[in-house]
Amino acid sequence: RAIGDAGWKTTGRHTGLPLVDGRADLEVIGLSAEHTHYALAPGAGVRPGDKLRLIPHYSDSTVFLHRQLHAIRDGVVEAVWPVAAAGMLQ
């Protein structure tokens, strides 16, 4: 088991749990407000400080939880877009 520093305030949880991008050895099994709870496959190579990319289950409601979005391609931030409706989720 592992705990990550991103919970439902980051990824949303309105319709399901996020996926861990590119990591078949990790599964999100729960979210608290500030933390992600992971199940690890035997031999999973995760260490404190590792960065993981989470894919929200439903992105529409997740967008409104943030003030800006980072557009990333091939590991490079190409743009930062403001979210005018940040905090407007009902």
Protein backbone atom coordinates (compact mmCIF):
# COMPACT_ATOMS: atom_id res chain seq x y z
CA ARG A 1 0.00 0.00 0.00
CA ALA A 2 1.12 3.57 -0.69
CA ILE A 3 -0.25 7.06 -0.08
CA GLY A 4 0.07 9.95 -2.54
CA ASP A 5 -0.18 13.69 -1.98
CA ALA A 6 -3.26 14.34 -4.16
CA GLY A 7 -6.81 13.55 -3.13
CA TRP A 8 -10.32 14.23 -4.37
CA LYS A 9 -9.69 17.98 -4.11
CA THR A 10 -7.18 17.47 -6.92
CA THR A 11 -8.72 14.73 -9.05
CA GLY A 12 -12.40 14.83 -8.21
CA ARG A 13 -14.28 11.66 -7.37
CA HIS A 14 -17.74 12.41 -8.64
CA THR A 15 -18.03 9.40 -10.94
CA GLY A 16 -15.08 7.16 -10.15
CA LEU A 17 -11.45 6.86 -9.13
CA PRO A 18 -8.56 8.16 -11.24
CA LEU A 19 -6.13 5.90 -13.08
CA VAL A 20 -2.34 6.01 -12.71
CA ASP A 21 -0.92 6.80 -16.15
CA GLY A 22 1.63 4.27 -17.36
CA ARG A 23 1.71 2.29 -14.11
CA ALA A 24 -0.03 -1.08 -14.34
CA ASP A 25 1.61 -1.94 -10.99
CA LEU A 26 -0.39 0.74 -9.10
CA GLU A 27 -4.14 0.98 -8.59
CA VAL A 28 -6.02 3.81 -6.91
CA ILE A 29 -8.22 2.19 -4.27
CA GLY A 30 -9.46 5.30 -2.46
CA LEU A 31 -9.30 9.05 -2.07
CA SER A 32 -9.47 11.31 0.95
CA ALA A 33 -9.62 15.09 0.60
CA GLU A 34 -5.83 15.43 0.39
CA HIS A 35 -4.45 11.93 -0.35
CA THR A 36 -4.63 9.10 -2.86
CA HIS A 37 -4.56 5.52 -1.55
CA TYR A 38 -2.82 3.00 -3.81
CA ALA A 39 -2.67 -0.78 -3.94
CA LEU A 40 0.69 -2.01 -5.19
CA ALA A 41 1.24 -5.10 -7.29
CA PRO A 42 3.99 -7.44 -6.03
CA GLY A 43 7.35 -5.92 -6.92
CA ALA A 44 5.89 -2.49 -7.68
CA GLY A 45 8.71 0.02 -7.97
CA VAL A 46 7.38 3.08 -6.19
CA ARG A 47 9.47 5.14 -3.78
CA PRO A 48 8.87 8.23 -1.65
CA GLY A 49 9.16 11.30 -3.85
CA ASP A 50 8.18 9.56 -7.10
CA LYS A 51 5.91 11.66 -9.30
CA LEU A 52 2.81 9.96 -10.67
CA ARG A 53 0.41 11.23 -13.30
CA LEU A 54 -3.25 10.67 -12.42
CA ILE A 55 -5.97 10.56 -15.05
CA PRO A 56 -9.29 11.76 -13.60
CA HIS A 57 -12.27 9.48 -14.17
CA TYR A 58 -14.39 12.44 -15.28
CA SER A 59 -12.46 15.56 -16.23
CA ASP A 60 -15.30 18.07 -16.58
CA SER A 61 -15.89 18.38 -12.85
CA THR A 62 -12.17 18.14 -12.09
CA VAL A 63 -11.30 21.22 -14.19
CA PHE A 64 -13.34 23.52 -11.95
CA LEU A 65 -11.32 22.45 -8.91
CA HIS A 66 -8.24 24.28 -10.27
CA ARG A 67 -7.32 27.86 -11.15
CA GLN A 68 -5.18 26.88 -14.14
CA LEU A 69 -4.44 23.96 -16.44
CA HIS A 70 -0.99 23.06 -17.69
CA ALA A 71 -0.85 21.85 -21.30
CA ILE A 72 1.97 19.29 -21.42
CA ARG A 73 3.31 17.52 -24.49
CA ASP A 74 6.28 15.16 -24.40
CA GLY A 75 7.08 16.28 -20.85
CA VAL A 76 7.25 19.98 -21.78
CA VAL A 77 4.76 22.59 -20.54
CA GLU A 78 3.55 24.26 -23.74
CA ALA A 79 0.90 26.51 -22.22
CA VAL A 80 -0.79 27.46 -18.96
CA TRP A 81 -4.51 28.15 -19.33
CA PRO A 82 -6.49 30.04 -16.67
CA VAL A 83 -9.79 28.49 -15.56
CA ALA A 84 -12.25 31.37 -15.29
CA ALA A 85 -14.84 29.19 -13.54
CA ALA A 86 -12.48 27.90 -10.83
CA GLY A 87 -14.40 27.20 -7.65
CA MET A 88 -17.78 27.32 -9.39
CA LEU A 89 -18.55 23.59 -9.11
CA GLN A 90 -21.93 23.07 -7.46
